[in-house]
Amino acid sequence: MSVTVFGDYDGVPVLQVPLQSDAGAEAEILTWGAVIRDLRVPHRGKLQRVVLGLNSLADYRNHSGHMGAVAGRFANRIAHASFTLDGVTHNLPRNLNGRHSLHGGGAGFGVRPWRLAAHDRSSATLTLHSPDGDANYPGALDVTCTYRLIGMGILRVEFAAHCDAPTIINLAQHSYFNLDGSPDARGHEVLIPSKFRTPTDAEGIPTGEIRDVTGTPWDFTRFTAINARDTLYDSNYFVTSPPDPHHGLAHAATLRSPLNGLSMEVHTSAPCVQFYDAANLACPGIGLENQPYQRHAGICFEPQGVPDAPNQRQFPSPVLRPGETYHQTSEFRFI
């Protein structure tokens, strides 16, 4: 298994890095957007593909919807594409409805080349330098993303970042998961052991409230099929489970296929997780196993900070200052 060239971005080779755990799980990582292009885990005597992926760099550039990528410098939404830090207002690209900023403003971390800094059989470390003024964000930022395959089916994702001037940061791994290959993943069941989410307006911007989901269509405190309710899901939940004392990660969500019995648990150090049912996914590119990906073809669980936190001070601060280190660790555990 060797590193190969997946494509070319304006003269920069985009690499594909194969990973394999000692127990046989396999993955393919791209240096484009730090994308998880493929992930296969042992299940019932075979390798089960569990993510959506595409076959060409052109498809990723034109159609992917951040498929498998790392969203940043600030994942999710910033209202009115503007925030104020230390008395200075910064205006960002308005790539959402012409009004707001989404996933870094249209040319963010998920749609540019990263550098392969190190790799071995089961891990790959990618780095990215974001200069001062990149998409109008203040301060230069150096980011590291490490993917690590462990055992029968754990994908560990570790982010770290440093800056040279105060800035904001919110990174999110944005894979679309499908545990059984169904064309519509809404038959999967979801458990989110949290009663609290941040409701949004019609454009997906948090209202500033923290709302109890009990008795609402957003209540997944018991396993529930996504298609059991006539509701579209693109909602941020607070992670309220206690961190495990051994690894410091908290259980954020579980996705389960009733067709083949495979489950995926999400454990993270992040304060929140976004649950998205891919209602806006309609990819004309052909995916892995020659599958077309239409609406709801995969399910996203994106560990993250609170959307629009730079403008809503009641939420955990996304500000990073010189001398500090941004850390986020998440594990996607297949059982």
C-alpha atoms as a PDB file:
ATOM      1  CA  MET A   1       0.000   0.000   0.000  1.00  0.00           C
ATOM      2  CA  SER A   2       1.641   3.194  -1.165  1.00  0.00           C
ATOM      3  CA  VAL A   3       0.799   6.860  -1.544  1.00  0.00           C
ATOM      4  CA  THR A   4      -0.489   7.688  -5.034  1.00  0.00           C
ATOM      5  CA  VAL A   5      -1.423  10.848  -6.926  1.00  0.00           C
ATOM      6  CA  PHE A   6      -5.206  11.309  -6.980  1.00  0.00           C
ATOM      7  CA  GLY A   7      -5.261  14.479  -9.068  1.00  0.00           C
ATOM      8  CA  ASP A   8      -3.739  17.872  -9.724  1.00  0.00           C
ATOM      9  CA  TYR A   9      -4.838  21.199  -8.273  1.00  0.00           C
ATOM     10  CA  ASP A  10      -3.313  24.047 -10.266  1.00  0.00           C
ATOM     11  CA  GLY A  11       0.032  22.270 -10.413  1.00  0.00           C
ATOM     12  CA  VAL A  12      -0.121  20.917  -6.851  1.00  0.00           C
ATOM     13  CA  PRO A  13      -0.345  17.090  -6.694  1.00  0.00           C
ATOM     14  CA  VAL A  14      -3.242  15.838  -4.574  1.00  0.00           C
ATOM     15  CA  LEU A  15      -2.183  12.652  -2.828  1.00  0.00           C
ATOM     16  CA  GLN A  16      -4.182   9.618  -1.768  1.00  0.00           C
ATOM     17  CA  VAL A  17      -2.855   7.951   1.378  1.00  0.00           C
ATOM     18  CA  PRO A  18      -3.959   4.382   2.214  1.00  0.00           C
ATOM     19  CA  LEU A  19      -4.323   3.351   5.850  1.00  0.00           C
ATOM     20  CA  GLN A  20      -4.793  -0.081   7.380  1.00  0.00           C
ATOM     21  CA  SER A  21      -5.156  -1.157  10.987  1.00  0.00           C
ATOM     22  CA  ASP A  22      -3.659  -4.317  12.418  1.00  0.00           C
ATOM     23  CA  ALA A  23      -7.176  -5.815  12.557  1.00  0.00           C
ATOM     24  CA  GLY A  24      -7.956  -5.094   8.906  1.00  0.00           C
ATOM     25  CA  ALA A  25      -9.872  -1.803   8.811  1.00  0.00           C
ATOM     26  CA  GLU A  26      -8.937   0.277   5.761  1.00  0.00           C
ATOM     27  CA  ALA A  27      -9.179   3.934   4.786  1.00  0.00           C
ATOM     28  CA  GLU A  28      -8.069   6.292   2.063  1.00  0.00           C
ATOM     29  CA  ILE A  29      -7.190   9.893   2.902  1.00  0.00           C
ATOM     30  CA  LEU A  30      -6.777  12.728   0.399  1.00  0.00           C
ATOM     31  CA  THR A  31      -4.586  15.774   0.845  1.00  0.00           C
ATOM     32  CA  TRP A  32      -7.412  17.710  -0.836  1.00  0.00           C
ATOM     33  CA  GLY A  33      -9.474  19.134   2.041  1.00  0.00           C
ATOM     34  CA  ALA A  34      -8.040  16.474   4.408  1.00  0.00           C
ATOM     35  CA  VAL A  35     -10.807  14.283   2.963  1.00  0.00           C
ATOM     36  CA  ILE A  36     -11.673  10.794   4.182  1.00  0.00           C
ATOM     37  CA  ARG A  37     -12.367   9.355   0.731  1.00  0.00           C
ATOM     38  CA  ASP A  38     -13.078   5.800   1.867  1.00  0.00           C
ATOM     39  CA  LEU A  39     -13.435   3.870   5.107  1.00  0.00           C
ATOM     40  CA  ARG A  40     -14.066   0.107   5.332  1.00  0.00           C
ATOM     41  CA  VAL A  41     -14.430  -1.826   8.585  1.00  0.00           C
ATOM     42  CA  PRO A  42     -14.633  -5.571   9.278  1.00  0.00           C
ATOM     43  CA  HIS A  43     -18.224  -6.681   9.803  1.00  0.00           C
ATOM     44  CA  ARG A  44     -19.741 -10.150   9.583  1.00  0.00           C
ATOM     45  CA  GLY A  45     -16.761 -11.589   7.767  1.00  0.00           C
ATOM     46  CA  LYS A  46     -16.312  -8.861   5.156  1.00  0.00           C
ATOM     47  CA  LEU A  47     -15.261  -5.239   4.824  1.00  0.00           C
ATOM     48  CA  GLN A  48     -18.220  -2.879   5.002  1.00  0.00           C
ATOM     49  CA  ARG A  49     -17.857   0.546   3.379  1.00  0.00           C
ATOM     50  CA  VAL A  50     -19.215   3.190   5.787  1.00  0.00           C
ATOM     51  CA  VAL A  51     -18.615   6.596   4.134  1.00  0.00           C
ATOM     52  CA  LEU A  52     -19.524   8.289   0.875  1.00  0.00           C
ATOM     53  CA  GLY A  53     -16.648   9.106  -1.479  1.00  0.00           C
ATOM     54  CA  LEU A  54     -15.984  10.262  -5.029  1.00  0.00           C
ATOM     55  CA  ASN A  55     -13.753   9.058  -7.850  1.00  0.00           C
ATOM     56  CA  SER A  56     -12.060  12.203  -9.142  1.00  0.00           C
ATOM     57  CA  LEU A  57     -10.667  15.479  -7.909  1.00  0.00           C
ATOM     58  CA  ALA A  58     -12.963  17.276 -10.363  1.00  0.00           C
ATOM     59  CA  ASP A  59     -15.986  15.742  -8.629  1.00  0.00           C
ATOM     60  CA  TYR A  60     -14.677  16.809  -5.229  1.00  0.00           C
ATOM     61  CA  ARG A  61     -14.081  20.351  -6.461  1.00  0.00           C
ATOM     62  CA  ASN A  62     -17.455  20.696  -8.149  1.00  0.00           C
ATOM     63  CA  HIS A  63     -19.963  18.483  -6.359  1.00  0.00           C
ATOM     64  CA  SER A  64     -18.854  17.164  -2.998  1.00  0.00           C
ATOM     65  CA  GLY A  65     -20.675  19.316  -0.426  1.00  0.00           C
ATOM     66  CA  HIS A  66     -17.630  18.987   1.898  1.00  0.00           C
ATOM     67  CA  MET A  67     -17.900  15.201   1.587  1.00  0.00           C
ATOM     68  CA  GLY A  68     -15.356  13.726   4.005  1.00  0.00           C
ATOM     69  CA  ALA A  69     -13.531  17.047   4.369  1.00  0.00           C
ATOM     70  CA  VAL A  70     -12.368  19.156   7.308  1.00  0.00           C
ATOM     71  CA  ALA A  71     -14.457  22.328   7.433  1.00  0.00           C
ATOM     72  CA  GLY A  72     -12.753  25.502   8.693  1.00  0.00           C
ATOM     73  CA  ARG A  73     -11.368  28.052   9.564  1.00  0.00           C
ATOM     74  CA  PHE A  74     -14.803  28.291  11.134  1.00  0.00           C
ATOM     75  CA  ALA A  75     -17.099  25.353  10.416  1.00  0.00           C
ATOM     76  CA  ASN A  76     -20.840  25.857  10.173  1.00  0.00           C
ATOM     77  CA  ARG A  77     -22.431  29.301  10.109  1.00  0.00           C
ATOM     78  CA  ILE A  78     -21.452  32.846  11.055  1.00  0.00           C
ATOM     79  CA  ALA A  79     -24.411  35.206  10.939  1.00  0.00           C
ATOM     80  CA  HIS A  80     -24.208  38.090   8.462  1.00  0.00           C
ATOM     81  CA  ALA A  81     -20.658  36.913   7.621  1.00  0.00           C
ATOM     82  CA  SER A  82     -19.266  39.212  10.277  1.00  0.00           C
ATOM     83  CA  PHE A  83     -17.826  39.096  13.789  1.00  0.00           C
ATOM     84  CA  THR A  84     -16.011  41.454  16.137  1.00  0.00           C
ATOM     85  CA  LEU A  85     -12.849  40.428  17.962  1.00  0.00           C
ATOM     86  CA  ASP A  86     -11.038  42.720  20.402  1.00  0.00           C
ATOM     87  CA  GLY A  87     -13.014  45.688  19.082  1.00  0.00           C
ATOM     88  CA  VAL A  88     -12.246  45.069  15.396  1.00  0.00           C
ATOM     89  CA  THR A  89     -14.993  43.911  13.007  1.00  0.00           C
ATOM     90  CA  HIS A  90     -14.074  41.331  10.372  1.00  0.00           C
ATOM     91  CA  ASN A  91     -16.267  40.821   7.314  1.00  0.00           C
ATOM     92  CA  LEU A  92     -16.164  37.357   5.744  1.00  0.00           C
ATOM     93  CA  PRO A  93     -17.265  35.994   2.347  1.00  0.00           C
ATOM     94  CA  ARG A  94     -21.061  35.665   2.098  1.00  0.00           C
ATOM     95  CA  ASN A  95     -21.395  32.195   0.605  1.00  0.00           C
ATOM     96  CA  LEU A  96     -24.717  31.250   2.252  1.00  0.00           C
ATOM     97  CA  ASN A  97     -27.816  32.874   0.759  1.00  0.00           C
ATOM     98  CA  GLY A  98     -25.706  35.918  -0.029  1.00  0.00           C
ATOM     99  CA  ARG A  99     -25.964  36.871   3.635  1.00  0.00           C
ATOM    100  CA  HIS A 100     -23.980  34.544   5.881  1.00  0.00           C
ATOM    101  CA  SER A 101     -20.684  32.660   5.983  1.00  0.00           C
ATOM    102  CA  LEU A 102     -20.601  28.842   5.914  1.00  0.00           C
ATOM    103  CA  HIS A 103     -17.627  26.497   6.462  1.00  0.00           C
ATOM    104  CA  GLY A 104     -15.004  29.223   6.084  1.00  0.00           C
ATOM    105  CA  GLY A 105     -16.634  31.276   3.344  1.00  0.00           C
ATOM    106  CA  GLY A 106     -16.588  29.144   0.202  1.00  0.00           C
ATOM    107  CA  ALA A 107     -12.807  28.710  -0.116  1.00  0.00           C
ATOM    108  CA  GLY A 108     -12.189  27.248   3.320  1.00  0.00           C
ATOM    109  CA  PHE A 109     -10.034  24.416   4.586  1.00  0.00           C
ATOM    110  CA  GLY A 110     -12.232  21.705   3.073  1.00  0.00           C
ATOM    111  CA  VAL A 111     -11.687  22.839  -0.520  1.00  0.00           C
ATOM    112  CA  ARG A 112      -7.934  23.380  -0.747  1.00  0.00           C
ATOM    113  CA  PRO A 113      -4.752  21.269  -0.676  1.00  0.00           C
ATOM    114  CA  TRP A 114      -3.133  20.260   2.591  1.00  0.00           C
ATOM    115  CA  ARG A 115       0.409  18.928   3.001  1.00  0.00           C
ATOM    116  CA  LEU A 116       1.175  15.345   3.953  1.00  0.00           C
ATOM    117  CA  ALA A 117       3.576  15.780   6.882  1.00  0.00           C
ATOM    118  CA  ALA A 118       3.903  12.157   8.014  1.00  0.00           C
ATOM    119  CA  HIS A 119       2.330   8.764   7.542  1.00  0.00           C
ATOM    120  CA  ASP A 120       2.749   5.119   8.435  1.00  0.00           C
ATOM    121  CA  ARG A 121       0.655   2.008   7.889  1.00  0.00           C
ATOM    122  CA  SER A 122      -2.229   3.102  10.128  1.00  0.00           C
ATOM    123  CA  SER A 123      -1.985   6.910  10.363  1.00  0.00           C
ATOM    124  CA  ALA A 124      -1.557  10.066   8.334  1.00  0.00           C
ATOM    125  CA  THR A 125      -0.801  13.592   9.505  1.00  0.00           C
ATOM    126  CA  LEU A 126      -1.729  16.533   7.307  1.00  0.00           C
ATOM    127  CA  THR A 127      -0.886  20.201   7.849  1.00  0.00           C
ATOM    128  CA  LEU A 128      -2.245  23.478   6.550  1.00  0.00           C
ATOM    129  CA  HIS A 129      -0.999  27.069   6.835  1.00  0.00           C
ATOM    130  CA  SER A 130      -3.724  29.705   6.704  1.00  0.00           C
ATOM    131  CA  PRO A 131      -2.156  33.185   6.401  1.00  0.00           C
ATOM    132  CA  ASP A 132      -3.291  36.345   8.154  1.00  0.00           C
ATOM    133  CA  GLY A 133      -6.238  37.754   6.204  1.00  0.00           C
ATOM    134  CA  ASP A 134      -7.200  34.414   4.647  1.00  0.00           C
ATOM    135  CA  ALA A 135     -10.923  34.895   3.816  1.00  0.00           C
ATOM    136  CA  ASN A 136     -10.582  38.038   5.993  1.00  0.00           C
ATOM    137  CA  TYR A 137      -9.925  36.033   9.170  1.00  0.00           C
ATOM    138  CA  PRO A 138      -7.323  37.674  11.413  1.00  0.00           C
ATOM    139  CA  GLY A 139      -4.039  36.035  12.339  1.00  0.00           C
ATOM    140  CA  ALA A 140      -1.998  33.333  10.668  1.00  0.00           C
ATOM    141  CA  LEU A 141      -3.062  29.826  11.683  1.00  0.00           C
ATOM    142  CA  ASP A 142      -1.161  26.542  11.467  1.00  0.00           C
ATOM    143  CA  VAL A 143      -3.362  23.453  11.605  1.00  0.00           C
ATOM    144  CA  THR A 144      -2.559  19.769  12.022  1.00  0.00           C
ATOM    145  CA  CYS A 145      -4.990  16.924  11.340  1.00  0.00           C
ATOM    146  CA  THR A 146      -4.064  13.328  12.175  1.00  0.00           C
ATOM    147  CA  TYR A 147      -6.166  10.350  11.120  1.00  0.00           C
ATOM    148  CA  ARG A 148      -5.472   7.056  12.877  1.00  0.00           C
ATOM    149  CA  LEU A 149      -7.065   3.629  12.342  1.00  0.00           C
ATOM    150  CA  ILE A 150      -7.215   1.496  15.483  1.00  0.00           C
ATOM    151  CA  GLY A 151      -8.255  -2.138  15.835  1.00  0.00           C
ATOM    152  CA  MET A 152     -11.365  -3.570  14.187  1.00  0.00           C
ATOM    153  CA  GLY A 153     -12.986  -0.233  13.539  1.00  0.00           C
ATOM    154  CA  ILE A 154     -11.978   2.975  15.277  1.00  0.00           C
ATOM    155  CA  LEU A 155     -11.102   6.055  13.269  1.00  0.00           C
ATOM    156  CA  ARG A 156      -9.471   8.635  15.522  1.00  0.00           C
ATOM    157  CA  VAL A 157      -9.320  12.258  14.340  1.00  0.00           C
ATOM    158  CA  GLU A 158      -7.009  14.689  16.119  1.00  0.00           C
ATOM    159  CA  PHE A 159      -6.894  18.427  15.392  1.00  0.00           C
ATOM    160  CA  ALA A 160      -4.379  20.935  16.729  1.00  0.00           C
ATOM    161  CA  ALA A 161      -3.785  24.563  15.785  1.00  0.00           C
ATOM    162  CA  HIS A 162      -1.671  27.580  16.768  1.00  0.00           C
ATOM    163  CA  CYS A 163      -1.954  31.236  15.769  1.00  0.00           C
ATOM    164  CA  ASP A 164       0.279  34.317  15.749  1.00  0.00           C
ATOM    165  CA  ALA A 165      -2.531  36.781  16.532  1.00  0.00           C
ATOM    166  CA  PRO A 166      -5.988  36.456  18.088  1.00  0.00           C
ATOM    167  CA  THR A 167      -8.416  34.659  15.794  1.00  0.00           C
ATOM    168  CA  ILE A 168     -11.398  32.312  15.857  1.00  0.00           C
ATOM    169  CA  ILE A 169     -11.389  28.632  14.986  1.00  0.00           C
ATOM    170  CA  ASN A 170     -13.928  25.824  14.738  1.00  0.00           C
ATOM    171  CA  LEU A 171     -12.929  22.681  12.852  1.00  0.00           C
ATOM    172  CA  ALA A 172     -15.318  19.853  11.977  1.00  0.00           C
ATOM    173  CA  GLN A 173     -14.840  16.512  10.251  1.00  0.00           C
ATOM    174  CA  HIS A 174     -17.642  16.351   7.670  1.00  0.00           C
ATOM    175  CA  SER A 175     -17.971  12.749   6.476  1.00  0.00           C
ATOM    176  CA  TYR A 176     -21.284  11.383   5.230  1.00  0.00           C
ATOM    177  CA  PHE A 177     -21.817   7.978   6.866  1.00  0.00           C
ATOM    178  CA  ASN A 178     -23.865   5.115   5.482  1.00  0.00           C
ATOM    179  CA  LEU A 179     -23.480   1.820   7.320  1.00  0.00           C
ATOM    180  CA  ASP A 180     -25.260  -0.522   4.905  1.00  0.00           C
ATOM    181  CA  GLY A 181     -25.040   0.984   1.409  1.00  0.00           C
ATOM    182  CA  SER A 182     -28.706   1.940   1.186  1.00  0.00           C
ATOM    183  CA  PRO A 183     -29.438   4.705  -1.358  1.00  0.00           C
ATOM    184  CA  ASP A 184     -31.418   6.542   1.356  1.00  0.00           C
ATOM    185  CA  ALA A 185     -29.831   6.415   4.810  1.00  0.00           C
ATOM    186  CA  ARG A 186     -32.888   7.682   6.682  1.00  0.00           C
ATOM    187  CA  GLY A 187     -33.711   4.101   7.599  1.00  0.00           C
ATOM    188  CA  HIS A 188     -30.734   4.252   9.978  1.00  0.00           C
ATOM    189  CA  GLU A 189     -31.512   4.723  13.652  1.00  0.00           C
ATOM    190  CA  VAL A 190     -30.029   7.519  15.725  1.00  0.00           C
ATOM    191  CA  LEU A 191     -29.285   7.940  19.418  1.00  0.00           C
ATOM    192  CA  ILE A 192     -28.183  11.354  20.704  1.00  0.00           C
ATOM    193  CA  PRO A 193     -27.858  11.240  24.512  1.00  0.00           C
ATOM    194  CA  SER A 194     -28.480  14.947  24.948  1.00  0.00           C
ATOM    195  CA  LYS A 195     -31.636  16.891  25.667  1.00  0.00           C
ATOM    196  CA  PHE A 196     -30.270  20.224  24.502  1.00  0.00           C
ATOM    197  CA  ARG A 197     -29.844  21.768  21.071  1.00  0.00           C
ATOM    198  CA  THR A 198     -29.467  25.255  19.628  1.00  0.00           C
ATOM    199  CA  PRO A 199     -32.601  26.071  17.577  1.00  0.00           C
ATOM    200  CA  THR A 200     -32.150  28.124  14.410  1.00  0.00           C
ATOM    201  CA  ASP A 201     -33.998  30.540  12.200  1.00  0.00           C
ATOM    202  CA  ALA A 202     -35.049  29.761   8.625  1.00  0.00           C
ATOM    203  CA  GLU A 203     -31.466  30.292   7.395  1.00  0.00           C
ATOM    204  CA  GLY A 204     -29.884  27.950   9.914  1.00  0.00           C
ATOM    205  CA  ILE A 205     -28.530  30.691  12.211  1.00  0.00           C
ATOM    206  CA  PRO A 206     -28.815  29.925  15.947  1.00  0.00           C
ATOM    207  CA  THR A 207     -31.389  32.089  17.690  1.00  0.00           C
ATOM    208  CA  GLY A 208     -29.257  32.214  20.841  1.00  0.00           C
ATOM    209  CA  GLU A 209     -31.503  29.869  22.795  1.00  0.00           C
ATOM    210  CA  ILE A 210     -30.661  26.490  24.264  1.00  0.00           C
ATOM    211  CA  ARG A 211     -33.802  24.406  23.992  1.00  0.00           C
ATOM    212  CA  ASP A 212     -34.866  21.112  25.610  1.00  0.00           C
ATOM    213  CA  VAL A 213     -35.753  18.562  22.910  1.00  0.00           C
ATOM    214  CA  THR A 214     -37.983  16.423  25.141  1.00  0.00           C
ATOM    215  CA  GLY A 215     -41.187  15.556  23.317  1.00  0.00           C
ATOM    216  CA  THR A 216     -40.120  17.238  20.061  1.00  0.00           C
ATOM    217  CA  PRO A 217     -39.062  15.745  16.695  1.00  0.00           C
ATOM    218  CA  TRP A 218     -35.446  16.501  17.677  1.00  0.00           C
ATOM    219  CA  ASP A 219     -35.554  14.108  20.643  1.00  0.00           C
ATOM    220  CA  PHE A 220     -33.210  11.172  19.957  1.00  0.00           C
ATOM    221  CA  THR A 221     -32.523  10.188  23.551  1.00  0.00           C
ATOM    222  CA  ARG A 222     -33.834   6.753  22.524  1.00  0.00           C
ATOM    223  CA  PHE A 223     -32.934   5.011  19.273  1.00  0.00           C
ATOM    224  CA  THR A 224     -35.250   6.350  16.584  1.00  0.00           C
ATOM    225  CA  ALA A 225     -35.261   5.853  12.819  1.00  0.00           C
ATOM    226  CA  ILE A 226     -34.531   9.123  11.034  1.00  0.00           C
ATOM    227  CA  ASN A 227     -37.495   8.588   8.690  1.00  0.00           C
ATOM    228  CA  ALA A 228     -39.882   7.923  11.585  1.00  0.00           C
ATOM    229  CA  ARG A 229     -40.759  11.629  11.624  1.00  0.00           C
ATOM    230  CA  ASP A 230     -41.594  14.060   8.873  1.00  0.00           C
ATOM    231  CA  THR A 231     -38.670  16.300   9.790  1.00  0.00           C
ATOM    232  CA  LEU A 232     -35.434  17.378   8.112  1.00  0.00           C
ATOM    233  CA  TYR A 233     -32.419  17.442  10.399  1.00  0.00           C
ATOM    234  CA  ASP A 234     -29.529  19.907  10.405  1.00  0.00           C
ATOM    235  CA  SER A 235     -29.218  20.693  14.083  1.00  0.00           C
ATOM    236  CA  ASN A 236     -26.509  21.312  16.658  1.00  0.00           C
ATOM    237  CA  TYR A 237     -26.658  19.389  19.951  1.00  0.00           C
ATOM    238  CA  PHE A 238     -24.618  20.007  23.085  1.00  0.00           C
ATOM    239  CA  VAL A 239     -22.562  17.011  24.193  1.00  0.00           C
ATOM    240  CA  THR A 240     -23.742  16.377  27.739  1.00  0.00           C
ATOM    241  CA  SER A 241     -22.417  12.875  28.447  1.00  0.00           C
ATOM    242  CA  PRO A 242     -19.548  12.777  30.970  1.00  0.00           C
ATOM    243  CA  PRO A 243     -16.091  12.256  29.469  1.00  0.00           C
ATOM    244  CA  ASP A 244     -14.682   8.774  29.813  1.00  0.00           C
ATOM    245  CA  PRO A 245     -11.914   8.988  32.468  1.00  0.00           C
ATOM    246  CA  HIS A 246      -9.594   6.791  30.398  1.00  0.00           C
ATOM    247  CA  HIS A 247      -9.516   8.807  27.154  1.00  0.00           C
ATOM    248  CA  GLY A 248     -11.323  12.052  27.989  1.00  0.00           C
ATOM    249  CA  LEU A 249     -13.896  11.738  25.220  1.00  0.00           C
ATOM    250  CA  ALA A 250     -17.661  11.947  25.684  1.00  0.00           C
ATOM    251  CA  HIS A 251     -20.337   9.968  23.853  1.00  0.00           C
ATOM    252  CA  ALA A 252     -22.050  12.372  21.435  1.00  0.00           C
ATOM    253  CA  ALA A 253     -24.172  10.134  19.188  1.00  0.00           C
ATOM    254  CA  THR A 254     -24.724   6.640  17.808  1.00  0.00           C
ATOM    255  CA  LEU A 255     -25.822   5.690  14.297  1.00  0.00           C
ATOM    256  CA  ARG A 256     -27.188   2.156  13.758  1.00  0.00           C
ATOM    257  CA  SER A 257     -28.282   0.187  10.701  1.00  0.00           C
ATOM    258  CA  PRO A 258     -31.209  -2.185  11.299  1.00  0.00           C
ATOM    259  CA  LEU A 259     -30.374  -3.911   7.989  1.00  0.00           C
ATOM    260  CA  ASN A 260     -26.956  -5.280   8.931  1.00  0.00           C
ATOM    261  CA  GLY A 261     -26.669  -4.506  12.653  1.00  0.00           C
ATOM    262  CA  LEU A 262     -23.586  -2.289  12.297  1.00  0.00           C
ATOM    263  CA  SER A 263     -23.345   0.684  14.662  1.00  0.00           C
ATOM    264  CA  MET A 264     -21.108   3.740  14.803  1.00  0.00           C
ATOM    265  CA  GLU A 265     -20.523   5.591  18.064  1.00  0.00           C
ATOM    266  CA  VAL A 266     -19.199   9.157  18.014  1.00  0.00           C
ATOM    267  CA  HIS A 267     -17.024  10.155  20.975  1.00  0.00           C
ATOM    268  CA  THR A 268     -15.445  13.588  21.146  1.00  0.00           C
ATOM    269  CA  SER A 269     -13.777  16.303  23.174  1.00  0.00           C
ATOM    270  CA  ALA A 270     -15.807  18.945  21.292  1.00  0.00           C
ATOM    271  CA  PRO A 271     -18.656  20.705  23.098  1.00  0.00           C
ATOM    272  CA  CYS A 272     -21.200  20.000  20.360  1.00  0.00           C
ATOM    273  CA  VAL A 273     -22.126  17.768  17.452  1.00  0.00           C
ATOM    274  CA  GLN A 274     -24.084  18.672  14.316  1.00  0.00           C
ATOM    275  CA  PHE A 275     -26.602  16.072  13.097  1.00  0.00           C
ATOM    276  CA  TYR A 276     -27.316  16.506   9.370  1.00  0.00           C
ATOM    277  CA  ASP A 277     -29.449  14.197   7.217  1.00  0.00           C
ATOM    278  CA  ALA A 278     -27.961  15.384   3.877  1.00  0.00           C
ATOM    279  CA  ALA A 279     -31.245  16.817   2.635  1.00  0.00           C
ATOM    280  CA  ASN A 280     -29.311  19.162   0.334  1.00  0.00           C
ATOM    281  CA  LEU A 281     -26.964  16.524  -1.074  1.00  0.00           C
ATOM    282  CA  ALA A 282     -27.506  15.891  -4.783  1.00  0.00           C
ATOM    283  CA  CYS A 283     -24.184  14.929  -6.316  1.00  0.00           C
ATOM    284  CA  PRO A 284     -24.062  14.396 -10.096  1.00  0.00           C
ATOM    285  CA  GLY A 285     -20.676  12.715  -9.736  1.00  0.00           C
ATOM    286  CA  ILE A 286     -20.717   8.924  -9.415  1.00  0.00           C
ATOM    287  CA  GLY A 287     -19.573   7.708  -6.038  1.00  0.00           C
ATOM    288  CA  LEU A 288     -17.777   4.639  -4.757  1.00  0.00           C
ATOM    289  CA  GLU A 289     -19.105   1.315  -6.083  1.00  0.00           C
ATOM    290  CA  ASN A 290     -20.597   3.375  -8.956  1.00  0.00           C
ATOM    291  CA  GLN A 291     -23.338   4.647  -6.696  1.00  0.00           C
ATOM    292  CA  PRO A 292     -25.095   7.967  -7.404  1.00  0.00           C
ATOM    293  CA  TYR A 293     -25.526  10.051  -4.269  1.00  0.00           C
ATOM    294  CA  GLN A 294     -28.861  11.794  -3.972  1.00  0.00           C
ATOM    295  CA  ARG A 295     -30.598  13.476  -1.038  1.00  0.00           C
ATOM    296  CA  HIS A 296     -30.159  11.605   2.262  1.00  0.00           C
ATOM    297  CA  ALA A 297     -27.522   9.219   0.864  1.00  0.00           C
ATOM    298  CA  GLY A 298     -25.470   9.629   4.046  1.00  0.00           C
ATOM    299  CA  ILE A 299     -25.714  10.987   7.569  1.00  0.00           C
ATOM    300  CA  CYS A 300     -23.312  13.524   9.100  1.00  0.00           C
ATOM    301  CA  PHE A 301     -22.253  13.781  12.726  1.00  0.00           C
ATOM    302  CA  GLU A 302     -19.857  16.722  12.921  1.00  0.00           C
ATOM    303  CA  PRO A 303     -18.076  17.318  16.263  1.00  0.00           C
ATOM    304  CA  GLN A 304     -17.696  21.093  16.569  1.00  0.00           C
ATOM    305  CA  GLY A 305     -18.053  24.265  18.591  1.00  0.00           C
ATOM    306  CA  VAL A 306     -21.336  26.153  18.630  1.00  0.00           C
ATOM    307  CA  PRO A 307     -22.356  27.680  15.273  1.00  0.00           C
ATOM    308  CA  ASP A 308     -22.193  31.501  15.255  1.00  0.00           C
ATOM    309  CA  ALA A 309     -20.386  31.449  18.607  1.00  0.00           C
ATOM    310  CA  PRO A 310     -18.279  34.523  17.648  1.00  0.00           C
ATOM    311  CA  ASN A 311     -21.493  36.572  17.758  1.00  0.00           C
ATOM    312  CA  GLN A 312     -23.168  34.879  20.730  1.00  0.00           C
ATOM    313  CA  ARG A 313     -21.163  35.283  23.898  1.00  0.00           C
ATOM    314  CA  GLN A 314     -23.364  32.963  25.970  1.00  0.00           C
ATOM    315  CA  PHE A 315     -21.814  30.048  24.041  1.00  0.00           C
ATOM    316  CA  PRO A 316     -18.291  28.608  24.564  1.00  0.00           C
ATOM    317  CA  SER A 317     -15.745  31.000  23.061  1.00  0.00           C
ATOM    318  CA  PRO A 318     -14.088  30.022  19.754  1.00  0.00           C
ATOM    319  CA  VAL A 319     -11.276  32.564  20.233  1.00  0.00           C
ATOM    320  CA  LEU A 320      -7.692  31.309  19.978  1.00  0.00           C
ATOM    321  CA  ARG A 321      -4.817  33.515  21.115  1.00  0.00           C
ATOM    322  CA  PRO A 322      -1.040  33.311  20.637  1.00  0.00           C
ATOM    323  CA  GLY A 323       0.544  30.822  23.014  1.00  0.00           C
ATOM    324  CA  GLU A 324      -2.640  28.742  23.208  1.00  0.00           C
ATOM    325  CA  THR A 325      -3.319  25.466  21.397  1.00  0.00           C
ATOM    326  CA  TYR A 326      -6.624  24.516  19.835  1.00  0.00           C
ATOM    327  CA  HIS A 327      -7.312  20.817  20.388  1.00  0.00           C
ATOM    328  CA  GLN A 328     -10.139  18.595  19.275  1.00  0.00           C
ATOM    329  CA  THR A 329     -10.144  14.807  19.326  1.00  0.00           C
ATOM    330  CA  SER A 330     -12.947  12.599  18.061  1.00  0.00           C
ATOM    331  CA  GLU A 331     -13.381   8.876  17.529  1.00  0.00           C
ATOM    332  CA  PHE A 332     -15.799   7.162  15.191  1.00  0.00           C
ATOM    333  CA  ARG A 333     -16.156   3.649  16.640  1.00  0.00           C
ATOM    334  CA  PHE A 334     -17.752   0.898  14.548  1.00  0.00           C
ATOM    335  CA  ILE A 335     -19.277  -1.973  16.469  1.00  0.00           C
END
